[in-house]
């Protein structure tokens, strides 16, 4: 069903990253890493790009933005240290991350 939807999107908007991401997510969720890699490669070969996701946080009226693995923020070392500590606490309490939909690794 998902592959059919992606193919319909390919026909409607071949320049859009949506069908590639949809298909890559489907393959990731099924552990089909070769097909996922092939889909991402096809997207790159076609010159289709995806906008980078950005997270924002406001602290004392200052807005800070981050992207995946962003190390440019002046407090990046502290931020990643805190995140590492939080992740350890979460896993110690039994949290198991769901890695089925990871597009970046």
PDB file of N, CA and C in Angstrom:
ATOM      1  N   UNK A   1       0.819  -1.185   0.000  1.00  0.00           N
ATOM      2  CA  UNK A   1       0.000   0.000   0.000  1.00  0.00           C
ATOM      3  C   UNK A   1       0.872   1.262   0.000  1.00  0.00           C
ATOM      4  N   UNK A   2       1.889   1.284   0.878  1.00  0.00           N
ATOM      5  CA  UNK A   2       2.770   2.449   0.954  1.00  0.00           C
ATOM      6  C   UNK A   2       3.560   2.654  -0.319  1.00  0.00           C
ATOM      7  N   UNK A   3       4.020   1.556  -0.910  1.00  0.00           N
ATOM      8  CA  UNK A   3       4.783   1.657  -2.159  1.00  0.00           C
ATOM      9  C   UNK A   3       3.884   2.203  -3.271  1.00  0.00           C
ATOM     10  N   UNK A   4       2.628   1.766  -3.292  1.00  0.00           N
ATOM     11  CA  UNK A   4       1.668   2.267  -4.275  1.00  0.00           C
ATOM     12  C   UNK A   4       1.480   3.776  -4.100  1.00  0.00           C
ATOM     13  N   UNK A   5       1.320   4.218  -2.851  1.00  0.00           N
ATOM     14  CA  UNK A   5       1.145   5.646  -2.568  1.00  0.00           C
ATOM     15  C   UNK A   5       2.379   6.433  -3.003  1.00  0.00           C
ATOM     16  N   UNK A   6       3.564   5.905  -2.717  1.00  0.00           N
ATOM     17  CA  UNK A   6       4.799   6.582  -3.116  1.00  0.00           C
ATOM     18  C   UNK A   6       4.883   6.681  -4.632  1.00  0.00           C
ATOM     19  N   UNK A   7       4.536   5.605  -5.332  1.00  0.00           N
ATOM     20  CA  UNK A   7       4.579   5.630  -6.800  1.00  0.00           C
ATOM     21  C   UNK A   7       3.600   6.656  -7.369  1.00  0.00           C
ATOM     22  N   UNK A   8       2.434   6.785  -6.752  1.00  0.00           N
ATOM     23  CA  UNK A   8       1.471   7.804  -7.190  1.00  0.00           C
ATOM     24  C   UNK A   8       2.050   9.206  -6.988  1.00  0.00           C
ATOM     25  N   UNK A   9       2.728   9.403  -5.866  1.00  0.00           N
ATOM     26  CA  UNK A   9       3.361  10.693  -5.606  1.00  0.00           C
ATOM     27  C   UNK A   9       4.499  10.969  -6.587  1.00  0.00           C
ATOM     28  N   UNK A  10       5.275   9.918  -6.942  1.00  0.00           N
ATOM     29  CA  UNK A  10       6.349  10.081  -7.928  1.00  0.00           C
ATOM     30  C   UNK A  10       5.784  10.618  -9.240  1.00  0.00           C
ATOM     31  N   UNK A  11       4.640  10.103  -9.652  1.00  0.00           N
ATOM     32  CA  UNK A  11       4.031  10.527 -10.914  1.00  0.00           C
ATOM     33  C   UNK A  11       3.486  11.954 -10.817  1.00  0.00           C
ATOM     34  N   UNK A  12       2.925  12.315  -9.671  1.00  0.00           N
ATOM     35  CA  UNK A  12       2.322  13.631  -9.501  1.00  0.00           C
ATOM     36  C   UNK A  12       3.354  14.736  -9.288  1.00  0.00           C
ATOM     37  N   UNK A  13       4.385  14.448  -8.536  1.00  0.00           N
ATOM     38  CA  UNK A  13       5.371  15.480  -8.177  1.00  0.00           C
ATOM     39  C   UNK A  13       6.765  14.858  -8.111  1.00  0.00           C
ATOM     40  N   UNK A  14       7.373  14.585  -9.273  1.00  0.00           N
ATOM     41  CA  UNK A  14       8.676  13.910  -9.281  1.00  0.00           C
ATOM     42  C   UNK A  14       9.799  14.706  -8.608  1.00  0.00           C
ATOM     43  N   UNK A  15       9.614  16.018  -8.461  1.00  0.00           N
ATOM     44  CA  UNK A  15      10.652  16.847  -7.841  1.00  0.00           C
ATOM     45  C   UNK A  15      10.506  16.934  -6.326  1.00  0.00           C
ATOM     46  N   UNK A  16       9.443  16.333  -5.794  1.00  0.00           N
ATOM     47  CA  UNK A  16       9.178  16.399  -4.362  1.00  0.00           C
ATOM     48  C   UNK A  16       9.945  15.312  -3.613  1.00  0.00           C
ATOM     49  N   UNK A  17      10.477  15.645  -2.425  1.00  0.00           N
ATOM     50  CA  UNK A  17      11.147  14.620  -1.620  1.00  0.00           C
ATOM     51  C   UNK A  17      10.161  13.689  -0.909  1.00  0.00           C
ATOM     52  N   UNK A  18       8.874  14.055  -0.857  1.00  0.00           N
ATOM     53  CA  UNK A  18       7.885  13.297  -0.079  1.00  0.00           C
ATOM     54  C   UNK A  18       7.827  11.807  -0.416  1.00  0.00           C
ATOM     55  N   UNK A  19       7.734  11.415  -1.697  1.00  0.00           N
ATOM     56  CA  UNK A  19       7.631   9.975  -1.960  1.00  0.00           C
ATOM     57  C   UNK A  19       8.902   9.214  -1.581  1.00  0.00           C
ATOM     58  N   UNK A  20      10.041   9.850  -1.751  1.00  0.00           N
ATOM     59  CA  UNK A  20      11.303   9.191  -1.382  1.00  0.00           C
ATOM     60  C   UNK A  20      11.363   8.963   0.124  1.00  0.00           C
ATOM     61  N   UNK A  21      10.983   9.988   0.882  1.00  0.00           N
ATOM     62  CA  UNK A  21      11.018   9.884   2.338  1.00  0.00           C
ATOM     63  C   UNK A  21       9.986   8.869   2.824  1.00  0.00           C
ATOM     64  N   UNK A  22       8.800   8.896   2.229  1.00  0.00           N
ATOM     65  CA  UNK A  22       7.754   7.921   2.563  1.00  0.00           C
ATOM     66  C   UNK A  22       8.270   6.498   2.355  1.00  0.00           C
ATOM     67  N   UNK A  23       8.842   6.256   1.184  1.00  0.00           N
ATOM     68  CA  UNK A  23       9.337   4.919   0.866  1.00  0.00           C
ATOM     69  C   UNK A  23      10.511   4.531   1.766  1.00  0.00           C
ATOM     70  N   UNK A  24      11.424   5.468   2.011  1.00  0.00           N
ATOM     71  CA  UNK A  24      12.559   5.189   2.896  1.00  0.00           C
ATOM     72  C   UNK A  24      12.084   4.855   4.304  1.00  0.00           C
ATOM     73  N   UNK A  25      11.067   5.577   4.790  1.00  0.00           N
ATOM     74  CA  UNK A  25      10.507   5.287   6.113  1.00  0.00           C
ATOM     75  C   UNK A  25       9.875   3.899   6.160  1.00  0.00           C
ATOM     76  N   UNK A  26       9.169   3.542   5.110  1.00  0.00           N
ATOM     77  CA  UNK A  26       8.548   2.205   5.049  1.00  0.00           C
ATOM     78  C   UNK A  26       9.625   1.133   5.094  1.00  0.00           C
ATOM     79  N   UNK A  27      10.656   1.300   4.279  1.00  0.00           N
ATOM     80  CA  UNK A  27      11.742   0.307   4.263  1.00  0.00           C
ATOM     81  C   UNK A  27      12.456   0.255   5.614  1.00  0.00           C
ATOM     82  N   UNK A  28      12.688   1.414   6.232  1.00  0.00           N
ATOM     83  CA  UNK A  28      13.338   1.443   7.549  1.00  0.00           C
ATOM     84  C   UNK A  28      12.513   0.692   8.577  1.00  0.00           C
ATOM     85  N   UNK A  29      11.202   0.902   8.554  1.00  0.00           N
ATOM     86  CA  UNK A  29      10.337   0.268   9.550  1.00  0.00           C
ATOM     87  C   UNK A  29      10.328  -1.244   9.415  1.00  0.00           C
ATOM     88  N   UNK A  30      10.651  -1.731   8.224  1.00  0.00           N
ATOM     89  CA  UNK A  30      10.684  -3.175   7.995  1.00  0.00           C
ATOM     90  C   UNK A  30      12.100  -3.741   8.059  1.00  0.00           C
ATOM     91  N   UNK A  31      13.075  -2.881   8.356  1.00  0.00           N
ATOM     92  CA  UNK A  31      14.461  -3.329   8.433  1.00  0.00           C
ATOM     93  C   UNK A  31      15.064  -3.646   7.070  1.00  0.00           C
ATOM     94  N   UNK A  32      14.501  -3.095   6.026  1.00  0.00           N
ATOM     95  CA  UNK A  32      14.981  -3.347   4.659  1.00  0.00           C
ATOM     96  C   UNK A  32      15.959  -2.233   4.271  1.00  0.00           C
ATOM     97  N   UNK A  33      17.160  -2.325   4.839  1.00  0.00           N
ATOM     98  CA  UNK A  33      18.141  -1.253   4.739  1.00  0.00           C
ATOM     99  C   UNK A  33      18.694  -1.087   3.329  1.00  0.00           C
ATOM    100  N   UNK A  34      18.814  -2.156   2.572  1.00  0.00           N
ATOM    101  CA  UNK A  34      19.317  -2.053   1.200  1.00  0.00           C
ATOM    102  C   UNK A  34      18.347  -1.248   0.336  1.00  0.00           C
ATOM    103  N   UNK A  35      17.044  -1.551   0.461  1.00  0.00           N
ATOM    104  CA  UNK A  35      16.041  -0.813  -0.300  1.00  0.00           C
ATOM    105  C   UNK A  35      15.974   0.649   0.153  1.00  0.00           C
ATOM    106  N   UNK A  36      16.124   0.863   1.449  1.00  0.00           N
ATOM    107  CA  UNK A  36      16.137   2.225   1.975  1.00  0.00           C
ATOM    108  C   UNK A  36      17.292   3.004   1.364  1.00  0.00           C
ATOM    109  N   UNK A  37      18.481   2.414   1.371  1.00  0.00           N
ATOM    110  CA  UNK A  37      19.669   3.073   0.809  1.00  0.00           C
ATOM    111  C   UNK A  37      19.484   3.337  -0.691  1.00  0.00           C
ATOM    112  N   UNK A  38      18.897   2.390  -1.389  1.00  0.00           N
ATOM    113  CA  UNK A  38      18.642   2.545  -2.824  1.00  0.00           C
ATOM    114  C   UNK A  38      17.684   3.719  -3.074  1.00  0.00           C
ATOM    115  N   UNK A  39      16.674   3.848  -2.231  1.00  0.00           N
ATOM    116  CA  UNK A  39      15.701   4.937  -2.363  1.00  0.00           C
ATOM    117  C   UNK A  39      16.362   6.293  -2.128  1.00  0.00           C
ATOM    118  N   UNK A  40      17.173   6.398  -1.085  1.00  0.00           N
ATOM    119  CA  UNK A  40      17.868   7.651  -0.786  1.00  0.00           C
ATOM    120  C   UNK A  40      18.852   7.993  -1.905  1.00  0.00           C
ATOM    121  N   UNK A  41      19.544   6.985  -2.441  1.00  0.00           N
ATOM    122  CA  UNK A  41      20.479   7.210  -3.552  1.00  0.00           C
ATOM    123  C   UNK A  41      19.730   7.715  -4.777  1.00  0.00           C
ATOM    124  N   UNK A  42      18.583   7.115  -5.070  1.00  0.00           N
ATOM    125  CA  UNK A  42      17.784   7.551  -6.216  1.00  0.00           C
ATOM    126  C   UNK A  42      17.368   9.011  -6.039  1.00  0.00           C
ATOM    127  N   UNK A  43      16.981   9.374  -4.817  1.00  0.00           N
ATOM    128  CA  UNK A  43      16.596  10.750  -4.534  1.00  0.00           C
ATOM    129  C   UNK A  43      17.760  11.692  -4.834  1.00  0.00           C
ATOM    130  N   UNK A  44      18.962  11.327  -4.384  1.00  0.00           N
ATOM    131  CA  UNK A  44      20.141  12.154  -4.626  1.00  0.00           C
ATOM    132  C   UNK A  44      20.482  12.207  -6.104  1.00  0.00           C
ATOM    133  N   UNK A  45      20.403  11.048  -6.781  1.00  0.00           N
ATOM    134  CA  UNK A  45      20.706  10.987  -8.210  1.00  0.00           C
ATOM    135  C   UNK A  45      19.768  11.864  -9.036  1.00  0.00           C
ATOM    136  N   UNK A  46      18.511  11.981  -8.574  1.00  0.00           N
ATOM    137  CA  UNK A  46      17.519  12.800  -9.275  1.00  0.00           C
ATOM    138  C   UNK A  46      17.647  14.279  -8.910  1.00  0.00           C
ATOM    139  N   UNK A  47      18.560  14.588  -7.991  1.00  0.00           N
ATOM    140  CA  UNK A  47      18.765  15.974  -7.588  1.00  0.00           C
ATOM    141  C   UNK A  47      17.677  16.506  -6.667  1.00  0.00           C
ATOM    142  N   UNK A  48      16.934  15.591  -6.046  1.00  0.00           N
ATOM    143  CA  UNK A  48      15.862  15.981  -5.132  1.00  0.00           C
ATOM    144  C   UNK A  48      16.462  16.115  -3.733  1.00  0.00           C
ATOM    145  N   UNK A  49      16.167  17.220  -3.085  1.00  0.00           N
ATOM    146  CA  UNK A  49      16.694  17.433  -1.737  1.00  0.00           C
ATOM    147  C   UNK A  49      15.552  17.618  -0.749  1.00  0.00           C
ATOM    148  N   UNK A  50      15.834  17.256   0.473  1.00  0.00           N
ATOM    149  CA  UNK A  50      14.870  17.389   1.566  1.00  0.00           C
ATOM    150  C   UNK A  50      15.334  18.527   2.455  1.00  0.00           C
ATOM    151  N   UNK A  51      14.393  19.349   2.883  1.00  0.00           N
ATOM    152  CA  UNK A  51      14.744  20.412   3.820  1.00  0.00           C
ATOM    153  C   UNK A  51      15.176  19.796   5.148  1.00  0.00           C
ATOM    154  N   UNK A  52      16.190  20.382   5.732  1.00  0.00           N
ATOM    155  CA  UNK A  52      16.665  19.912   7.023  1.00  0.00           C
ATOM    156  C   UNK A  52      15.662  20.288   8.105  1.00  0.00           C
ATOM    157  N   UNK A  53      15.333  19.323   8.942  1.00  0.00           N
ATOM    158  CA  UNK A  53      14.439  19.600  10.070  1.00  0.00           C
ATOM    159  C   UNK A  53      15.151  20.436  11.114  1.00  0.00           C
ATOM    160  N   UNK A  54      14.464  21.406  11.653  1.00  0.00           N
ATOM    161  CA  UNK A  54      15.047  22.302  12.654  1.00  0.00           C
ATOM    162  C   UNK A  54      14.190  22.262  13.922  1.00  0.00           C
ATOM    163  N   UNK A  55      14.860  22.178  15.062  1.00  0.00           N
ATOM    164  CA  UNK A  55      14.183  22.291  16.353  1.00  0.00           C
ATOM    165  C   UNK A  55      14.485  23.674  16.919  1.00  0.00           C
ATOM    166  N   UNK A  56      13.481  24.254  17.584  1.00  0.00           N
ATOM    167  CA  UNK A  56      13.615  25.582  18.172  1.00  0.00           C
ATOM    168  C   UNK A  56      13.280  25.524  19.652  1.00  0.00           C
ATOM    169  N   UNK A  57      13.982  26.346  20.418  1.00  0.00           N
ATOM    170  CA  UNK A  57      13.646  26.475  21.833  1.00  0.00           C
ATOM    171  C   UNK A  57      13.869  27.931  22.242  1.00  0.00           C
ATOM    172  N   UNK A  58      12.969  28.443  23.064  1.00  0.00           N
ATOM    173  CA  UNK A  58      13.113  29.803  23.562  1.00  0.00           C
ATOM    174  C   UNK A  58      13.517  29.735  25.029  1.00  0.00           C
ATOM    175  N   UNK A  59      14.604  30.410  25.356  1.00  0.00           N
ATOM    176  CA  UNK A  59      15.093  30.472  26.731  1.00  0.00           C
ATOM    177  C   UNK A  59      15.304  31.943  27.070  1.00  0.00           C
ATOM    178  N   UNK A  60      14.532  32.417  28.030  1.00  0.00           N
ATOM    179  CA  UNK A  60      14.621  33.813  28.461  1.00  0.00           C
ATOM    180  C   UNK A  60      14.587  34.781  27.281  1.00  0.00           C
ATOM    181  N   UNK A  61      13.599  34.586  26.416  1.00  0.00           N
ATOM    182  CA  UNK A  61      13.324  35.442  25.256  1.00  0.00           C
ATOM    183  C   UNK A  61      14.388  35.349  24.160  1.00  0.00           C
ATOM    184  N   UNK A  62      15.328  34.432  24.269  1.00  0.00           N
ATOM    185  CA  UNK A  62      16.287  34.156  23.192  1.00  0.00           C
ATOM    186  C   UNK A  62      15.864  32.868  22.506  1.00  0.00           C
ATOM    187  N   UNK A  63      15.816  32.891  21.184  1.00  0.00           N
ATOM    188  CA  UNK A  63      15.434  31.705  20.428  1.00  0.00           C
ATOM    189  C   UNK A  63      16.694  31.013  19.926  1.00  0.00           C
ATOM    190  N   UNK A  64      16.770  29.719  20.197  1.00  0.00           N
ATOM    191  CA  UNK A  64      17.896  28.898  19.765  1.00  0.00           C
ATOM    192  C   UNK A  64      17.360  27.841  18.803  1.00  0.00           C
ATOM    193  N   UNK A  65      18.086  27.603  17.708  1.00  0.00           N
ATOM    194  CA  UNK A  65      17.660  26.573  16.756  1.00  0.00           C
ATOM    195  C   UNK A  65      18.769  25.541  16.591  1.00  0.00           C
ATOM    196  N   UNK A  66      18.346  24.309  16.305  1.00  0.00           N
ATOM    197  CA  UNK A  66      19.278  23.191  16.198  1.00  0.00           C
ATOM    198  C   UNK A  66      18.856  22.284  15.051  1.00  0.00           C
ATOM    199  N   UNK A  67      19.823  21.650  14.431  1.00  0.00           N
ATOM    200  CA  UNK A  67      19.565  20.583  13.468  1.00  0.00           C
ATOM    201  C   UNK A  67      20.275  19.331  13.985  1.00  0.00           C
ATOM    202  N   UNK A  68      20.039  18.212  13.351  1.00  0.00           N
ATOM    203  CA  UNK A  68      20.653  16.952  13.781  1.00  0.00           C
ATOM    204  C   UNK A  68      22.178  17.091  13.833  1.00  0.00           C
ATOM    205  N   UNK A  69      22.735  16.648  14.935  1.00  0.00           N
ATOM    206  CA  UNK A  69      24.198  16.662  15.151  1.00  0.00           C
ATOM    207  C   UNK A  69      24.805  18.061  15.042  1.00  0.00           C
ATOM    208  N   UNK A  70      24.034  19.095  15.350  1.00  0.00           N
ATOM    209  CA  UNK A  70      24.510  20.474  15.290  1.00  0.00           C
ATOM    210  C   UNK A  70      25.516  20.695  16.411  1.00  0.00           C
ATOM    211  N   UNK A  71      26.719  21.070  16.046  1.00  0.00           N
ATOM    212  CA  UNK A  71      27.765  21.347  17.046  1.00  0.00           C
ATOM    213  C   UNK A  71      28.207  22.811  16.984  1.00  0.00           C
ATOM    214  N   UNK A  72      27.443  23.650  16.280  1.00  0.00           N
ATOM    215  CA  UNK A  72      27.828  25.041  16.084  1.00  0.00           C
ATOM    216  C   UNK A  72      27.370  25.958  17.216  1.00  0.00           C
ATOM    217  N   UNK A  73      26.394  25.542  17.983  1.00  0.00           N
ATOM    218  CA  UNK A  73      25.892  26.384  19.062  1.00  0.00           C
ATOM    219  C   UNK A  73      27.020  26.595  20.083  1.00  0.00           C
ATOM    220  N   UNK A  74      27.149  27.798  20.619  1.00  0.00           N
ATOM    221  CA  UNK A  74      28.242  28.054  21.563  1.00  0.00           C
ATOM    222  C   UNK A  74      28.202  27.185  22.822  1.00  0.00           C
ATOM    223  N   UNK A  75      27.032  26.632  23.137  1.00  0.00           N
ATOM    224  CA  UNK A  75      26.912  25.789  24.324  1.00  0.00           C
ATOM    225  C   UNK A  75      26.682  24.319  23.949  1.00  0.00           C
ATOM    226  N   UNK A  76      27.087  23.946  22.750  1.00  0.00           N
ATOM    227  CA  UNK A  76      26.827  22.587  22.252  1.00  0.00           C
ATOM    228  C   UNK A  76      27.391  21.510  23.177  1.00  0.00           C
ATOM    229  N   UNK A  77      28.575  21.722  23.698  1.00  0.00           N
ATOM    230  CA  UNK A  77      29.195  20.713  24.569  1.00  0.00           C
ATOM    231  C   UNK A  77      28.328  20.473  25.810  1.00  0.00           C
ATOM    232  N   UNK A  78      27.847  21.538  26.395  1.00  0.00           N
ATOM    233  CA  UNK A  78      26.994  21.424  27.583  1.00  0.00           C
ATOM    234  C   UNK A  78      25.666  20.759  27.221  1.00  0.00           C
ATOM    235  N   UNK A  79      25.072  21.216  26.124  1.00  0.00           N
ATOM    236  CA  UNK A  79      23.779  20.683  25.687  1.00  0.00           C
ATOM    237  C   UNK A  79      23.865  19.182  25.451  1.00  0.00           C
ATOM    238  N   UNK A  80      24.869  18.745  24.697  1.00  0.00           N
ATOM    239  CA  UNK A  80      24.998  17.313  24.417  1.00  0.00           C
ATOM    240  C   UNK A  80      25.346  16.516  25.666  1.00  0.00           C
ATOM    241  N   UNK A  81      26.059  17.134  26.607  1.00  0.00           N
ATOM    242  CA  UNK A  81      26.334  16.471  27.878  1.00  0.00           C
ATOM    243  C   UNK A  81      25.060  16.212  28.663  1.00  0.00           C
ATOM    244  N   UNK A  82      24.198  17.224  28.731  1.00  0.00           N
ATOM    245  CA  UNK A  82      22.921  17.082  29.439  1.00  0.00           C
ATOM    246  C   UNK A  82      22.052  16.033  28.746  1.00  0.00           C
ATOM    247  N   UNK A  83      21.985  16.096  27.410  1.00  0.00           N
ATOM    248  CA  UNK A  83      21.191  15.103  26.675  1.00  0.00           C
ATOM    249  C   UNK A  83      21.705  13.685  26.920  1.00  0.00           C
ATOM    250  N   UNK A  84      23.024  13.533  26.958  1.00  0.00           N
ATOM    251  CA  UNK A  84      23.603  12.218  27.246  1.00  0.00           C
ATOM    252  C   UNK A  84      23.219  11.708  28.624  1.00  0.00           C
ATOM    253  N   UNK A  85      23.246  12.606  29.612  1.00  0.00           N
ATOM    254  CA  UNK A  85      22.854  12.229  30.976  1.00  0.00           C
ATOM    255  C   UNK A  85      21.369  11.847  31.028  1.00  0.00           C
ATOM    256  N   UNK A  86      20.533  12.645  30.355  1.00  0.00           N
ATOM    257  CA  UNK A  86      19.099  12.343  30.326  1.00  0.00           C
ATOM    258  C   UNK A  86      18.832  11.002  29.648  1.00  0.00           C
ATOM    259  N   UNK A  87      19.529  10.746  28.539  1.00  0.00           N
ATOM    260  CA  UNK A  87      19.327   9.485  27.833  1.00  0.00           C
ATOM    261  C   UNK A  87      19.733   8.300  28.707  1.00  0.00           C
ATOM    262  N   UNK A  88      20.832   8.448  29.440  1.00  0.00           N
ATOM    263  CA  UNK A  88      21.254   7.374  30.341  1.00  0.00           C
ATOM    264  C   UNK A  88      20.203   7.125  31.418  1.00  0.00           C
ATOM    265  N   UNK A  89      19.674   8.185  32.009  1.00  0.00           N
ATOM    266  CA  UNK A  89      18.619   8.035  33.018  1.00  0.00           C
ATOM    267  C   UNK A  89      17.396   7.328  32.427  1.00  0.00           C
ATOM    268  N   UNK A  90      17.023   7.712  31.208  1.00  0.00           N
ATOM    269  CA  UNK A  90      15.852   7.101  30.565  1.00  0.00           C
ATOM    270  C   UNK A  90      16.079   5.612  30.311  1.00  0.00           C
ATOM    271  N   UNK A  91      17.257   5.257  29.794  1.00  0.00           N
ATOM    272  CA  UNK A  91      17.523   3.844  29.516  1.00  0.00           C
ATOM    273  C   UNK A  91      17.642   3.041  30.806  1.00  0.00           C
ATOM    274  N   UNK A  92      18.176   3.670  31.855  1.00  0.00           N
ATOM    275  CA  UNK A  92      18.247   2.991  33.155  1.00  0.00           C
ATOM    276  C   UNK A  92      16.842   2.667  33.685  1.00  0.00           C
ATOM    277  N   UNK A  93      15.869   3.492  33.315  1.00  0.00           N
ATOM    278  CA  UNK A  93      14.473   3.282  33.741  1.00  0.00           C
ATOM    279  C   UNK A  93      13.710   2.355  32.795  1.00  0.00           C
ATOM    280  N   UNK A  94      14.402   1.849  31.763  1.00  0.00           N
ATOM    281  CA  UNK A  94      13.753   0.883  30.874  1.00  0.00           C
ATOM    282  C   UNK A  94      13.373   1.394  29.499  1.00  0.00           C
ATOM    283  N   UNK A  95      13.649   2.657  29.197  1.00  0.00           N
ATOM    284  CA  UNK A  95      13.318   3.187  27.877  1.00  0.00           C
ATOM    285  C   UNK A  95      14.151   2.495  26.811  1.00  0.00           C
ATOM    286  N   UNK A  96      13.489   2.056  25.762  1.00  0.00           N
ATOM    287  CA  UNK A  96      14.171   1.453  24.610  1.00  0.00           C
ATOM    288  C   UNK A  96      13.745   2.258  23.388  1.00  0.00           C
ATOM    289  N   UNK A  97      14.694   2.943  22.728  1.00  0.00           N
ATOM    290  CA  UNK A  97      14.316   3.763  21.582  1.00  0.00           C
ATOM    291  C   UNK A  97      13.808   2.910  20.418  1.00  0.00           C
ATOM    292  N   UNK A  98      12.804   3.427  19.731  1.00  0.00           N
ATOM    293  CA  UNK A  98      12.250   2.779  18.541  1.00  0.00           C
ATOM    294  C   UNK A  98      13.033   3.297  17.338  1.00  0.00           C
ATOM    295  N   UNK A  99      13.886   2.458  16.781  1.00  0.00           N
ATOM    296  CA  UNK A  99      14.777   2.888  15.704  1.00  0.00           C
ATOM    297  C   UNK A  99      14.248   2.534  14.311  1.00  0.00           C
ATOM    298  N   UNK A 100      12.992   2.137  14.236  1.00  0.00           N
ATOM    299  CA  UNK A 100      12.467   1.712  12.936  1.00  0.00           C
ATOM    300  C   UNK A 100      12.384   2.824  11.908  1.00  0.00           C
ATOM    301  N   UNK A 101      12.247   4.059  12.335  1.00  0.00           N
ATOM    302  CA  UNK A 101      12.032   5.143  11.379  1.00  0.00           C
ATOM    303  C   UNK A 101      13.217   6.096  11.293  1.00  0.00           C
ATOM    304  N   UNK A 102      14.371   5.630  11.698  1.00  0.00           N
ATOM    305  CA  UNK A 102      15.559   6.485  11.660  1.00  0.00           C
ATOM    306  C   UNK A 102      16.000   6.654  10.213  1.00  0.00           C
ATOM    307  N   UNK A 103      16.109   7.909   9.792  1.00  0.00           N
ATOM    308  CA  UNK A 103      16.615   8.204   8.456  1.00  0.00           C
ATOM    309  C   UNK A 103      18.044   8.704   8.537  1.00  0.00           C
ATOM    310  N   UNK A 104      18.477   9.083   9.698  1.00  0.00           N
ATOM    311  CA  UNK A 104      19.826   9.591   9.888  1.00  0.00           C
ATOM    312  C   UNK A 104      20.520   8.697  10.910  1.00  0.00           C
ATOM    313  N   UNK A 105      21.652   8.149  10.545  1.00  0.00           N
ATOM    314  CA  UNK A 105      22.423   7.368  11.498  1.00  0.00           C
ATOM    315  C   UNK A 105      23.865   7.338  11.080  1.00  0.00           C
TER     316      UNK A 105
END
